[in-house]
PDB file of N, CA and C in Angstrom:
ATOM      1  N   UNK A   1     119.507 108.413 107.337  1.00  0.00           N
ATOM      2  CA  UNK A   1     118.377 109.053 106.698  1.00  0.00           C
ATOM      3  C   UNK A   1     118.808 109.541 105.322  1.00  0.00           C
ATOM      4  N   UNK A   2     117.971 109.298 104.333  1.00  0.00           N
ATOM      5  CA  UNK A   2     118.221 109.756 102.980  1.00  0.00           C
ATOM      6  C   UNK A   2     117.278 110.907 102.702  1.00  0.00           C
ATOM      7  N   UNK A   3     117.788 111.962 102.133  1.00  0.00           N
ATOM      8  CA  UNK A   3     116.963 113.118 101.817  1.00  0.00           C
ATOM      9  C   UNK A   3     117.202 113.523 100.364  1.00  0.00           C
ATOM     10  N   UNK A   4     117.192 112.493  99.482  1.00  0.00           N
ATOM     11  CA  UNK A   4     117.580 112.751  98.099  1.00  0.00           C
ATOM     12  C   UNK A   4     116.717 112.024  97.078  1.00  0.00           C
ATOM     13  N   UNK A   5     115.498 111.669  97.431  1.00  0.00           N
ATOM     14  CA  UNK A   5     114.637 110.988  96.478  1.00  0.00           C
ATOM     15  C   UNK A   5     114.867 109.501  96.397  1.00  0.00           C
ATOM     16  N   UNK A   6     115.580 108.925  97.356  1.00  0.00           N
ATOM     17  CA  UNK A   6     115.832 107.487  97.388  1.00  0.00           C
ATOM     18  C   UNK A   6     115.075 106.876  98.568  1.00  0.00           C
ATOM     19  N   UNK A   7     115.282 105.539  98.794  1.00  0.00           N
ATOM     20  CA  UNK A   7     114.662 104.900  99.948  1.00  0.00           C
ATOM     21  C   UNK A   7     115.056 105.653 101.213  1.00  0.00           C
ATOM     22  N   UNK A   8     114.148 105.700 102.142  1.00  0.00           N
ATOM     23  CA  UNK A   8     114.431 106.370 103.395  1.00  0.00           C
ATOM     24  C   UNK A   8     113.410 107.448 103.674  1.00  0.00           C
ATOM     25  N   UNK A   9     113.869 108.608 104.071  1.00  0.00           N
ATOM     26  CA  UNK A   9     112.980 109.699 104.440  1.00  0.00           C
ATOM     27  C   UNK A   9     113.338 110.959 103.673  1.00  0.00           C
ATOM     28  N   UNK A  10     112.308 111.636 103.223  1.00  0.00           N
ATOM     29  CA  UNK A  10     112.479 112.865 102.449  1.00  0.00           C
ATOM     30  C   UNK A  10     111.665 113.964 103.125  1.00  0.00           C
ATOM     31  N   UNK A  11     112.288 115.104 103.367  1.00  0.00           N
ATOM     32  CA  UNK A  11     111.586 116.228 103.959  1.00  0.00           C
ATOM     33  C   UNK A  11     110.904 117.027 102.858  1.00  0.00           C
ATOM     34  N   UNK A  12     109.587 117.123 102.945  1.00  0.00           N
ATOM     35  CA  UNK A  12     108.769 117.851 101.966  1.00  0.00           C
ATOM     36  C   UNK A  12     108.450 119.224 102.561  1.00  0.00           C
ATOM     37  N   UNK A  13     108.571 120.261 101.732  1.00  0.00           N
ATOM     38  CA  UNK A  13     108.341 121.633 102.193  1.00  0.00           C
ATOM     39  C   UNK A  13     107.327 122.321 101.278  1.00  0.00           C
ATOM     40  N   UNK A  14     107.273 123.623 101.341  1.00  0.00           N
ATOM     41  CA  UNK A  14     106.351 124.405 100.530  1.00  0.00           C
ATOM     42  C   UNK A  14     106.792 124.586  99.089  1.00  0.00           C
ATOM     43  N   UNK A  15     107.880 123.962  98.705  1.00  0.00           N
ATOM     44  CA  UNK A  15     108.367 123.943  97.328  1.00  0.00           C
ATOM     45  C   UNK A  15     108.301 122.501  96.843  1.00  0.00           C
ATOM     46  N   UNK A  16     107.911 122.290  95.584  1.00  0.00           N
ATOM     47  CA  UNK A  16     107.839 120.919  95.050  1.00  0.00           C
ATOM     48  C   UNK A  16     109.162 120.200  95.311  1.00  0.00           C
ATOM     49  N   UNK A  17     109.075 119.049  95.971  1.00  0.00           N
ATOM     50  CA  UNK A  17     110.235 118.291  96.417  1.00  0.00           C
ATOM     51  C   UNK A  17     110.200 116.900  95.801  1.00  0.00           C
ATOM     52  N   UNK A  18     111.310 116.463  95.210  1.00  0.00           N
ATOM     53  CA  UNK A  18     111.387 115.116  94.653  1.00  0.00           C
ATOM     54  C   UNK A  18     111.331 114.102  95.787  1.00  0.00           C
ATOM     55  N   UNK A  19     110.320 113.232  95.745  1.00  0.00           N
ATOM     56  CA  UNK A  19     110.178 112.173  96.744  1.00  0.00           C
ATOM     57  C   UNK A  19     110.710 110.859  96.194  1.00  0.00           C
ATOM     58  N   UNK A  20     110.322 110.533  94.964  1.00  0.00           N
ATOM     59  CA  UNK A  20     110.744 109.287  94.328  1.00  0.00           C
ATOM     60  C   UNK A  20     111.229 109.590  92.925  1.00  0.00           C
ATOM     61  N   UNK A  21     112.461 109.191  92.642  1.00  0.00           N
ATOM     62  CA  UNK A  21     112.997 109.307  91.291  1.00  0.00           C
ATOM     63  C   UNK A  21     112.694 108.020  90.542  1.00  0.00           C
ATOM     64  N   UNK A  22     112.098 108.127  89.358  1.00  0.00           N
ATOM     65  CA  UNK A  22     111.736 106.952  88.570  1.00  0.00           C
ATOM     66  C   UNK A  22     112.917 106.043  88.317  1.00  0.00           C
ATOM     67  N   UNK A  23     112.724 104.748  88.507  1.00  0.00           N
ATOM     68  CA  UNK A  23     113.815 103.791  88.387  1.00  0.00           C
ATOM     69  C   UNK A  23     113.592 102.725  87.327  1.00  0.00           C
ATOM     70  N   UNK A  24     112.386 102.578  86.837  1.00  0.00           N
ATOM     71  CA  UNK A  24     112.128 101.553  85.836  1.00  0.00           C
ATOM     72  C   UNK A  24     110.747 100.953  86.015  1.00  0.00           C
ATOM     73  N   UNK A  25     110.336 100.215  85.010  1.00  0.00           N
ATOM     74  CA  UNK A  25     109.009  99.599  85.035  1.00  0.00           C
ATOM     75  C   UNK A  25     108.912  98.527  86.107  1.00  0.00           C
ATOM     76  N   UNK A  26     107.755  98.457  86.745  1.00  0.00           N
ATOM     77  CA  UNK A  26     107.467  97.384  87.683  1.00  0.00           C
ATOM     78  C   UNK A  26     108.002  97.564  89.082  1.00  0.00           C
ATOM     79  N   UNK A  27     108.584  98.710  89.392  1.00  0.00           N
ATOM     80  CA  UNK A  27     109.069  98.965  90.747  1.00  0.00           C
ATOM     81  C   UNK A  27     107.882  99.369  91.614  1.00  0.00           C
ATOM     82  N   UNK A  28     107.703  98.680  92.730  1.00  0.00           N
ATOM     83  CA  UNK A  28     106.623  98.998  93.656  1.00  0.00           C
ATOM     84  C   UNK A  28     107.112 100.052  94.646  1.00  0.00           C
ATOM     85  N   UNK A  29     106.327 101.110  94.790  1.00  0.00           N
ATOM     86  CA  UNK A  29     106.685 102.241  95.643  1.00  0.00           C
ATOM     87  C   UNK A  29     105.627 102.397  96.734  1.00  0.00           C
ATOM     88  N   UNK A  30     106.075 102.621  97.954  1.00  0.00           N
ATOM     89  CA  UNK A  30     105.178 102.983  99.050  1.00  0.00           C
ATOM     90  C   UNK A  30     105.670 104.292  99.646  1.00  0.00           C
ATOM     91  N   UNK A  31     104.737 105.222  99.871  1.00  0.00           N
ATOM     92  CA  UNK A  31     105.060 106.516 100.472  1.00  0.00           C
ATOM     93  C   UNK A  31     104.152 106.703 101.677  1.00  0.00           C
ATOM     94  N   UNK A  32     104.744 106.998 102.822  1.00  0.00           N
ATOM     95  CA  UNK A  32     104.012 107.229 104.065  1.00  0.00           C
ATOM     96  C   UNK A  32     104.243 108.657 104.521  1.00  0.00           C
ATOM     97  N   UNK A  33     103.152 109.376 104.785  1.00  0.00           N
ATOM     98  CA  UNK A  33     103.240 110.700 105.394  1.00  0.00           C
ATOM     99  C   UNK A  33     103.404 110.462 106.889  1.00  0.00           C
ATOM    100  N   UNK A  34     104.588 110.739 107.436  1.00  0.00           N
ATOM    101  CA  UNK A  34     104.867 110.416 108.838  1.00  0.00           C
ATOM    102  C   UNK A  34     104.286 111.420 109.829  1.00  0.00           C
ATOM    103  N   UNK A  35     103.818 112.550 109.341  1.00  0.00           N
ATOM    104  CA  UNK A  35     103.251 113.557 110.247  1.00  0.00           C
ATOM    105  C   UNK A  35     101.841 113.131 110.666  1.00  0.00           C
ATOM    106  N   UNK A  36     101.466 113.451 111.863  1.00  0.00           N
ATOM    107  CA  UNK A  36     100.151 113.049 112.381  1.00  0.00           C
ATOM    108  C   UNK A  36      98.998 113.816 111.748  1.00  0.00           C
ATOM    109  N   UNK A  37      99.220 115.086 111.391  1.00  0.00           N
ATOM    110  CA  UNK A  37      98.102 115.904 110.918  1.00  0.00           C
ATOM    111  C   UNK A  37      98.349 116.642 109.603  1.00  0.00           C
ATOM    112  N   UNK A  38      99.582 116.974 109.297  1.00  0.00           N
ATOM    113  CA  UNK A  38      99.879 117.761 108.095  1.00  0.00           C
ATOM    114  C   UNK A  38      99.666 116.932 106.824  1.00  0.00           C
ATOM    115  N   UNK A  39      99.194 117.572 105.774  1.00  0.00           N
ATOM    116  CA  UNK A  39      98.928 116.932 104.484  1.00  0.00           C
ATOM    117  C   UNK A  39     100.095 117.195 103.535  1.00  0.00           C
ATOM    118  N   UNK A  40     100.416 116.198 102.708  1.00  0.00           N
ATOM    119  CA  UNK A  40     101.348 116.355 101.592  1.00  0.00           C
ATOM    120  C   UNK A  40     100.518 116.218 100.319  1.00  0.00           C
ATOM    121  N   UNK A  41     100.725 117.107  99.357  1.00  0.00           N
ATOM    122  CA  UNK A  41     100.078 116.984  98.052  1.00  0.00           C
ATOM    123  C   UNK A  41     101.087 116.365  97.090  1.00  0.00           C
ATOM    124  N   UNK A  42     100.666 115.320  96.364  1.00  0.00           N
ATOM    125  CA  UNK A  42     101.549 114.572  95.472  1.00  0.00           C
ATOM    126  C   UNK A  42     101.241 114.874  94.015  1.00  0.00           C
ATOM    127  N   UNK A  43     102.268 114.798  93.178  1.00  0.00           N
ATOM    128  CA  UNK A  43     102.082 115.001  91.746  1.00  0.00           C
ATOM    129  C   UNK A  43     103.412 115.064  91.020  1.00  0.00           C
ATOM    130  N   UNK A  44     103.418 115.749  89.894  1.00  0.00           N
ATOM    131  CA  UNK A  44     104.617 115.901  89.077  1.00  0.00           C
ATOM    132  C   UNK A  44     105.462 117.069  89.546  1.00  0.00           C
ATOM    133  N   UNK A  45     106.456 117.447  88.745  1.00  0.00           N
ATOM    134  CA  UNK A  45     107.396 118.498  89.167  1.00  0.00           C
ATOM    135  C   UNK A  45     106.754 119.874  89.366  1.00  0.00           C
ATOM    136  N   UNK A  46     105.596 120.079  88.790  1.00  0.00           N
ATOM    137  CA  UNK A  46     104.904 121.362  88.941  1.00  0.00           C
ATOM    138  C   UNK A  46     103.745 121.291  89.925  1.00  0.00           C
ATOM    139  N   UNK A  47     103.738 120.284  90.786  1.00  0.00           N
ATOM    140  CA  UNK A  47     102.634 120.092  91.727  1.00  0.00           C
ATOM    141  C   UNK A  47     102.461 121.329  92.612  1.00  0.00           C
ATOM    142  N   UNK A  48     101.206 121.652  92.891  1.00  0.00           N
ATOM    143  CA  UNK A  48     100.892 122.697  93.861  1.00  0.00           C
ATOM    144  C   UNK A  48     100.117 122.054  95.003  1.00  0.00           C
ATOM    145  N   UNK A  49     100.112 122.716  96.129  1.00  0.00           N
ATOM    146  CA  UNK A  49      99.396 122.173  97.279  1.00  0.00           C
ATOM    147  C   UNK A  49      97.898 122.092  96.983  1.00  0.00           C
ATOM    148  N   UNK A  50      97.375 123.061  96.254  1.00  0.00           N
ATOM    149  CA  UNK A  50      95.940 123.091  95.945  1.00  0.00           C
ATOM    150  C   UNK A  50      95.530 122.053  94.904  1.00  0.00           C
ATOM    151  N   UNK A  51      96.423 121.702  93.992  1.00  0.00           N
ATOM    152  CA  UNK A  51      96.064 120.837  92.867  1.00  0.00           C
ATOM    153  C   UNK A  51      96.554 119.392  92.996  1.00  0.00           C
ATOM    154  N   UNK A  52      97.479 119.122  93.916  1.00  0.00           N
ATOM    155  CA  UNK A  52      98.054 117.783  94.034  1.00  0.00           C
ATOM    156  C   UNK A  52      97.108 116.780  94.685  1.00  0.00           C
ATOM    157  N   UNK A  53      97.497 115.524  94.605  1.00  0.00           N
ATOM    158  CA  UNK A  53      96.740 114.447  95.254  1.00  0.00           C
ATOM    159  C   UNK A  53      97.043 114.497  96.743  1.00  0.00           C
ATOM    160  N   UNK A  54      96.037 114.718  97.602  1.00  0.00           N
ATOM    161  CA  UNK A  54      96.313 114.885  99.031  1.00  0.00           C
ATOM    162  C   UNK A  54      96.604 113.560  99.735  1.00  0.00           C
ATOM    163  N   UNK A  55      97.708 113.533 100.466  1.00  0.00           N
ATOM    164  CA  UNK A  55      98.059 112.391 101.313  1.00  0.00           C
ATOM    165  C   UNK A  55      98.016 112.889 102.754  1.00  0.00           C
ATOM    166  N   UNK A  56      96.966 112.512 103.453  1.00  0.00           N
ATOM    167  CA  UNK A  56      96.723 112.992 104.821  1.00  0.00           C
ATOM    168  C   UNK A  56      97.812 112.522 105.778  1.00  0.00           C
ATOM    169  N   UNK A  57      97.894 113.223 106.903  1.00  0.00           N
ATOM    170  CA  UNK A  57      98.833 112.830 107.942  1.00  0.00           C
ATOM    171  C   UNK A  57      98.593 111.388 108.373  1.00  0.00           C
ATOM    172  N   UNK A  58      99.666 110.609 108.423  1.00  0.00           N
ATOM    173  CA  UNK A  58      99.589 109.205 108.832  1.00  0.00           C
ATOM    174  C   UNK A  58      99.147 108.255 107.736  1.00  0.00           C
ATOM    175  N   UNK A  59      98.790 108.780 106.582  1.00  0.00           N
ATOM    176  CA  UNK A  59      98.311 107.930 105.483  1.00  0.00           C
ATOM    177  C   UNK A  59      99.477 107.477 104.603  1.00  0.00           C
ATOM    178  N   UNK A  60      99.241 106.389 103.867  1.00  0.00           N
ATOM    179  CA  UNK A  60     100.242 105.856 102.939  1.00  0.00           C
ATOM    180  C   UNK A  60      99.584 105.574 101.601  1.00  0.00           C
ATOM    181  N   UNK A  61     100.401 105.558 100.569  1.00  0.00           N
ATOM    182  CA  UNK A  61      99.941 105.220  99.231  1.00  0.00           C
ATOM    183  C   UNK A  61     100.985 104.297  98.607  1.00  0.00           C
ATOM    184  N   UNK A  62     100.524 103.351  97.831  1.00  0.00           N
ATOM    185  CA  UNK A  62     101.421 102.467  97.113  1.00  0.00           C
ATOM    186  C   UNK A  62     101.050 102.429  95.648  1.00  0.00           C
ATOM    187  N   UNK A  63     102.039 102.239  94.792  1.00  0.00           N
ATOM    188  CA  UNK A  63     101.783 102.154  93.353  1.00  0.00           C
ATOM    189  C   UNK A  63     102.938 101.442  92.675  1.00  0.00           C
ATOM    190  N   UNK A  64     102.692 100.979  91.470  1.00  0.00           N
ATOM    191  CA  UNK A  64     103.722 100.378  90.641  1.00  0.00           C
ATOM    192  C   UNK A  64     104.150 101.425  89.618  1.00  0.00           C
ATOM    193  N   UNK A  65     105.420 101.758  89.622  1.00  0.00           N
ATOM    194  CA  UNK A  65     105.932 102.838  88.782  1.00  0.00           C
ATOM    195  C   UNK A  65     106.269 102.356  87.381  1.00  0.00           C
ATOM    196  N   UNK A  66     106.069 103.248  86.431  1.00  0.00           N
ATOM    197  CA  UNK A  66     106.559 103.059  85.074  1.00  0.00           C
ATOM    198  C   UNK A  66     107.918 103.739  84.968  1.00  0.00           C
ATOM    199  N   UNK A  67     108.652 103.419  83.926  1.00  0.00           N
ATOM    200  CA  UNK A  67     109.966 103.992  83.716  1.00  0.00           C
ATOM    201  C   UNK A  67     109.891 105.514  83.696  1.00  0.00           C
ATOM    202  N   UNK A  68     110.699 106.150  84.516  1.00  0.00           N
ATOM    203  CA  UNK A  68     110.759 107.607  84.531  1.00  0.00           C
ATOM    204  C   UNK A  68     109.679 108.291  85.341  1.00  0.00           C
ATOM    205  N   UNK A  69     108.869 107.536  86.098  1.00  0.00           N
ATOM    206  CA  UNK A  69     107.826 108.145  86.927  1.00  0.00           C
ATOM    207  C   UNK A  69     108.445 108.789  88.170  1.00  0.00           C
ATOM    208  N   UNK A  70     108.685 110.086  88.099  1.00  0.00           N
ATOM    209  CA  UNK A  70     109.147 110.823  89.272  1.00  0.00           C
ATOM    210  C   UNK A  70     107.929 111.274  90.059  1.00  0.00           C
ATOM    211  N   UNK A  71     108.008 111.221  91.377  1.00  0.00           N
ATOM    212  CA  UNK A  71     106.918 111.660  92.234  1.00  0.00           C
ATOM    213  C   UNK A  71     107.412 112.813  93.092  1.00  0.00           C
ATOM    214  N   UNK A  72     106.660 113.904  93.060  1.00  0.00           N
ATOM    215  CA  UNK A  72     106.985 115.084  93.846  1.00  0.00           C
ATOM    216  C   UNK A  72     105.913 115.304  94.900  1.00  0.00           C
ATOM    217  N   UNK A  73     106.287 115.995  95.949  1.00  0.00           N
ATOM    218  CA  UNK A  73     105.337 116.368  96.980  1.00  0.00           C
ATOM    219  C   UNK A  73     105.556 117.809  97.394  1.00  0.00           C
ATOM    220  N   UNK A  74     104.511 118.377  97.957  1.00  0.00           N
ATOM    221  CA  UNK A  74     104.581 119.747  98.460  1.00  0.00           C
ATOM    222  C   UNK A  74     103.681 119.836  99.690  1.00  0.00           C
ATOM    223  N   UNK A  75     104.078 120.652 100.650  1.00  0.00           N
ATOM    224  CA  UNK A  75     103.251 120.866 101.843  1.00  0.00           C
ATOM    225  C   UNK A  75     102.698 122.282 101.802  1.00  0.00           C
ATOM    226  N   UNK A  76     101.996 122.652 102.839  1.00  0.00           N
ATOM    227  CA  UNK A  76     101.459 124.013 102.921  1.00  0.00           C
ATOM    228  C   UNK A  76     102.517 125.001 103.396  1.00  0.00           C
ATOM    229  N   UNK A  77     103.739 124.554 103.499  1.00  0.00           N
ATOM    230  CA  UNK A  77     104.842 125.386 103.970  1.00  0.00           C
ATOM    231  C   UNK A  77     105.548 124.780 105.159  1.00  0.00           C
ATOM    232  N   UNK A  78     104.881 123.845 105.829  1.00  0.00           N
ATOM    233  CA  UNK A  78     105.488 123.140 106.947  1.00  0.00           C
ATOM    234  C   UNK A  78     106.505 122.131 106.425  1.00  0.00           C
ATOM    235  N   UNK A  79     107.424 121.706 107.276  1.00  0.00           N
ATOM    236  CA  UNK A  79     108.329 120.606 106.934  1.00  0.00           C
ATOM    237  C   UNK A  79     107.669 119.302 107.351  1.00  0.00           C
ATOM    238  N   UNK A  80     107.406 118.443 106.377  1.00  0.00           N
ATOM    239  CA  UNK A  80     106.724 117.166 106.611  1.00  0.00           C
ATOM    240  C   UNK A  80     107.609 116.061 106.057  1.00  0.00           C
ATOM    241  N   UNK A  81     107.824 115.010 106.838  1.00  0.00           N
ATOM    242  CA  UNK A  81     108.690 113.913 106.407  1.00  0.00           C
ATOM    243  C   UNK A  81     107.857 112.808 105.761  1.00  0.00           C
ATOM    244  N   UNK A  82     108.293 112.420 104.566  1.00  0.00           N
ATOM    245  CA  UNK A  82     107.694 111.292 103.858  1.00  0.00           C
ATOM    246  C   UNK A  82     108.680 110.124 103.910  1.00  0.00           C
ATOM    247  N   UNK A  83     108.203 108.962 104.333  1.00  0.00           N
ATOM    248  CA  UNK A  83     109.030 107.749 104.327  1.00  0.00           C
ATOM    249  C   UNK A  83     108.762 107.007 103.016  1.00  0.00           C
ATOM    250  N   UNK A  84     109.841 106.571 102.358  1.00  0.00           N
ATOM    251  CA  UNK A  84     109.733 105.940 101.040  1.00  0.00           C
ATOM    252  C   UNK A  84     110.330 104.544 101.092  1.00  0.00           C
ATOM    253  N   UNK A  85     109.606 103.594 100.495  1.00  0.00           N
ATOM    254  CA  UNK A  85     110.096 102.227 100.398  1.00  0.00           C
ATOM    255  C   UNK A  85     109.915 101.774  98.959  1.00  0.00           C
ATOM    256  N   UNK A  86     110.964 101.179  98.391  1.00  0.00           N
ATOM    257  CA  UNK A  86     110.908 100.644  97.027  1.00  0.00           C
ATOM    258  C   UNK A  86     111.143  99.139  97.074  1.00  0.00           C
ATOM    259  N   UNK A  87     110.470  98.448  96.193  1.00  0.00           N
ATOM    260  CA  UNK A  87     110.653  97.013  96.086  1.00  0.00           C
ATOM    261  C   UNK A  87     110.778  96.656  94.619  1.00  0.00           C
ATOM    262  N   UNK A  88     111.762  95.850  94.295  1.00  0.00           N
ATOM    263  CA  UNK A  88     111.957  95.424  92.914  1.00  0.00           C
ATOM    264  C   UNK A  88     112.918  96.269  92.130  1.00  0.00           C
ATOM    265  N   UNK A  89     113.730  97.075  92.837  1.00  0.00           N
ATOM    266  CA  UNK A  89     114.710  97.931  92.153  1.00  0.00           C
ATOM    267  C   UNK A  89     115.856  97.078  91.652  1.00  0.00           C
TER     268      UNK A  89
END
């Protein structure tokens, strides 16, 4: 298990947590909220639970990253595991 912003699993808490560290243009990223019910809010380093993009429990999101696109997540205070997959690194 990786808990450092790389491929694998990252534990997201009530503090903004680095989920994906930007690696370069054209890298495809998939993030899965592995919890059944808890929500993760996604955004930049200053993301808040109220203002972030909500990723519901069991939901996934995919995107193509630009150079330096770091993705952070935050929960409502619970520990929620996000699974991360990168393609094209």
